[in-house]
Amino acid sequence: NINFKTYLNKLRIQHACELMSKDAGGVSDIAVMCGFSDPSYFSKKFKKYMGYSPTEYMKRQEVRGE
């Protein structure tokens, strides 16, 4: 029961999480790889869905050893 844009953004964020766990680059690079043309918009949507910024997510992954 969600619209297409919301669904697509959620898929993109999931893909971004996978790339971040593989250390596939910086936030701007990952944003582009996931279909976001604006890294700021990516960061805003990432925080909305995940509860923290992409940079913090990457730091948490490092601490957990993933």
N, C-alpha and C. Protein backbone atom coordinates (compact mmCIF):
# COMPACT_ATOMS: atom_id res chain seq x y z
N ASN A 1 0.81 -1.19 0.00
CA ASN A 1 0.00 0.00 0.00
C ASN A 1 0.86 1.27 0.00
N ILE A 2 1.91 1.27 -0.80
CA ILE A 2 2.75 2.46 -0.93
C ILE A 2 2.83 2.84 -2.40
N ASN A 3 3.14 4.10 -2.66
CA ASN A 3 3.24 4.52 -4.06
C ASN A 3 4.57 4.07 -4.66
N PHE A 4 4.66 4.16 -5.96
CA PHE A 4 5.83 3.65 -6.68
C PHE A 4 7.12 4.36 -6.26
N LYS A 5 7.08 5.66 -6.10
CA LYS A 5 8.28 6.42 -5.75
C LYS A 5 8.83 5.98 -4.38
N THR A 6 7.95 5.79 -3.43
CA THR A 6 8.36 5.34 -2.10
C THR A 6 8.97 3.94 -2.19
N TYR A 7 8.32 3.07 -2.94
CA TYR A 7 8.82 1.71 -3.14
C TYR A 7 10.22 1.73 -3.77
N LEU A 8 10.37 2.53 -4.81
CA LEU A 8 11.65 2.62 -5.50
C LEU A 8 12.74 3.16 -4.58
N ASN A 9 12.43 4.18 -3.81
CA ASN A 9 13.42 4.74 -2.87
C ASN A 9 13.83 3.70 -1.83
N LYS A 10 12.88 2.91 -1.34
CA LYS A 10 13.21 1.87 -0.37
C LYS A 10 14.15 0.84 -0.98
N LEU A 11 13.88 0.44 -2.22
CA LEU A 11 14.77 -0.50 -2.90
C LEU A 11 16.16 0.08 -3.08
N ARG A 12 16.22 1.34 -3.46
CA ARG A 12 17.51 2.01 -3.63
C ARG A 12 18.28 2.09 -2.32
N ILE A 13 17.60 2.38 -1.24
CA ILE A 13 18.25 2.45 0.07
C ILE A 13 18.76 1.07 0.48
N GLN A 14 17.98 0.03 0.23
CA GLN A 14 18.43 -1.33 0.53
C GLN A 14 19.69 -1.67 -0.25
N HIS A 15 19.71 -1.29 -1.52
CA HIS A 15 20.88 -1.53 -2.35
C HIS A 15 22.08 -0.74 -1.82
N ALA A 16 21.83 0.48 -1.40
CA ALA A 16 22.90 1.31 -0.83
C ALA A 16 23.49 0.65 0.42
N CYS A 17 22.64 0.09 1.25
CA CYS A 17 23.12 -0.60 2.46
C CYS A 17 24.03 -1.77 2.08
N GLU A 18 23.65 -2.51 1.06
CA GLU A 18 24.48 -3.62 0.60
C GLU A 18 25.84 -3.11 0.11
N LEU A 19 25.83 -2.05 -0.65
CA LEU A 19 27.08 -1.49 -1.17
C LEU A 19 27.95 -0.95 -0.03
N MET A 20 27.33 -0.33 0.94
CA MET A 20 28.09 0.20 2.07
C MET A 20 28.73 -0.91 2.88
N SER A 21 28.03 -2.02 3.02
CA SER A 21 28.59 -3.13 3.78
C SER A 21 29.76 -3.78 3.04
N LYS A 22 29.83 -3.56 1.72
CA LYS A 22 30.94 -4.08 0.91
C LYS A 22 32.03 -3.04 0.69
N ASP A 23 31.88 -1.88 1.35
CA ASP A 23 32.84 -0.78 1.22
C ASP A 23 33.05 -0.41 -0.25
N ALA A 24 31.94 -0.12 -0.93
CA ALA A 24 31.96 0.15 -2.36
C ALA A 24 32.25 1.61 -2.72
N GLY A 25 32.63 2.43 -1.75
CA GLY A 25 32.96 3.82 -2.05
C GLY A 25 32.36 4.76 -1.03
N GLY A 26 32.44 6.03 -1.34
CA GLY A 26 31.90 7.06 -0.47
C GLY A 26 30.41 7.26 -0.68
N VAL A 27 29.83 8.11 0.14
CA VAL A 27 28.40 8.36 0.08
C VAL A 27 27.97 8.87 -1.29
N SER A 28 28.70 9.81 -1.87
CA SER A 28 28.34 10.35 -3.17
C SER A 28 28.38 9.28 -4.26
N ASP A 29 29.40 8.44 -4.22
CA ASP A 29 29.53 7.37 -5.21
C ASP A 29 28.38 6.38 -5.09
N ILE A 30 28.07 6.01 -3.87
CA ILE A 30 27.00 5.04 -3.64
C ILE A 30 25.65 5.63 -4.03
N ALA A 31 25.45 6.91 -3.76
CA ALA A 31 24.20 7.57 -4.15
C ALA A 31 23.99 7.45 -5.66
N VAL A 32 25.02 7.73 -6.42
CA VAL A 32 24.93 7.65 -7.88
C VAL A 32 24.71 6.20 -8.34
N MET A 33 25.42 5.26 -7.72
CA MET A 33 25.26 3.84 -8.08
C MET A 33 23.85 3.34 -7.82
N CYS A 34 23.15 3.97 -6.89
CA CYS A 34 21.81 3.54 -6.54
C CYS A 34 20.72 4.34 -7.25
N GLY A 35 21.11 5.22 -8.14
CA GLY A 35 20.13 5.94 -8.94
C GLY A 35 19.74 7.31 -8.44
N PHE A 36 20.43 7.81 -7.44
CA PHE A 36 20.17 9.16 -6.94
C PHE A 36 21.13 10.13 -7.62
N SER A 37 20.61 11.15 -8.24
CA SER A 37 21.48 12.12 -8.91
C SER A 37 22.02 13.17 -7.95
N ASP A 38 21.37 13.32 -6.80
CA ASP A 38 21.77 14.33 -5.82
C ASP A 38 22.13 13.64 -4.50
N PRO A 39 23.40 13.66 -4.12
CA PRO A 39 23.81 13.01 -2.87
C PRO A 39 23.10 13.57 -1.62
N SER A 40 22.74 14.85 -1.64
CA SER A 40 22.03 15.44 -0.50
C SER A 40 20.63 14.83 -0.36
N TYR A 41 19.96 14.65 -1.49
CA TYR A 41 18.63 14.03 -1.49
C TYR A 41 18.75 12.58 -1.03
N PHE A 42 19.77 11.89 -1.49
CA PHE A 42 20.03 10.51 -1.06
C PHE A 42 20.20 10.46 0.46
N SER A 43 21.01 11.35 1.01
CA SER A 43 21.25 11.37 2.45
C SER A 43 19.96 11.63 3.22
N LYS A 44 19.14 12.54 2.71
CA LYS A 44 17.87 12.86 3.35
C LYS A 44 16.95 11.65 3.36
N LYS A 45 16.82 10.97 2.24
CA LYS A 45 15.96 9.80 2.15
C LYS A 45 16.52 8.64 2.95
N PHE A 46 17.83 8.48 2.94
CA PHE A 46 18.46 7.41 3.70
C PHE A 46 18.14 7.58 5.19
N LYS A 47 18.30 8.80 5.68
CA LYS A 47 18.02 9.07 7.09
C LYS A 47 16.55 8.84 7.42
N LYS A 48 15.68 9.19 6.49
CA LYS A 48 14.24 9.00 6.70
C LYS A 48 13.93 7.51 6.88
N TYR A 49 14.50 6.66 6.05
CA TYR A 49 14.18 5.24 6.08
C TYR A 49 14.99 4.46 7.12
N MET A 50 16.22 4.86 7.35
CA MET A 50 17.10 4.08 8.22
C MET A 50 17.22 4.66 9.64
N GLY A 51 16.92 5.93 9.80
CA GLY A 51 16.98 6.53 11.12
C GLY A 51 18.30 7.21 11.44
N TYR A 52 19.28 7.08 10.57
CA TYR A 52 20.56 7.78 10.73
C TYR A 52 21.18 8.00 9.37
N SER A 53 22.18 8.85 9.33
CA SER A 53 22.79 9.26 8.06
C SER A 53 23.58 8.12 7.43
N PRO A 54 23.84 8.20 6.13
CA PRO A 54 24.66 7.19 5.47
C PRO A 54 26.05 7.08 6.09
N THR A 55 26.63 8.22 6.46
CA THR A 55 27.96 8.21 7.07
C THR A 55 27.94 7.46 8.40
N GLU A 56 26.92 7.71 9.21
CA GLU A 56 26.82 7.00 10.48
C GLU A 56 26.58 5.51 10.25
N TYR A 57 25.78 5.18 9.26
CA TYR A 57 25.55 3.77 8.93
C TYR A 57 26.87 3.08 8.59
N MET A 58 27.68 3.75 7.79
CA MET A 58 28.98 3.17 7.40
C MET A 58 29.88 3.00 8.63
N LYS A 59 29.86 3.96 9.54
CA LYS A 59 30.66 3.86 10.77
C LYS A 59 30.18 2.69 11.62
N ARG A 60 28.87 2.52 11.71
CA ARG A 60 28.32 1.40 12.48
C ARG A 60 28.74 0.06 11.88
N GLN A 61 28.81 0.00 10.56
CA GLN A 61 29.23 -1.23 9.90
C GLN A 61 30.68 -1.55 10.24
N GLU A 62 31.52 -0.51 10.30
CA GLU A 62 32.93 -0.70 10.65
C GLU A 62 33.08 -1.22 12.07
N VAL A 63 32.31 -0.66 12.99
CA VAL A 63 32.38 -1.07 14.39
C VAL A 63 31.93 -2.51 14.55
N ARG A 64 30.89 -2.90 13.81
CA ARG A 64 30.38 -4.26 13.90
C ARG A 64 31.27 -5.24 13.16
N GLY A 65 32.20 -4.74 12.38
CA GLY A 65 33.12 -5.62 11.67
C GLY A 65 32.54 -6.25 10.42
N GLU A 66 31.52 -5.63 9.87
CA GLU A 66 30.91 -6.18 8.66
C GLU A 66 31.51 -5.58 7.43
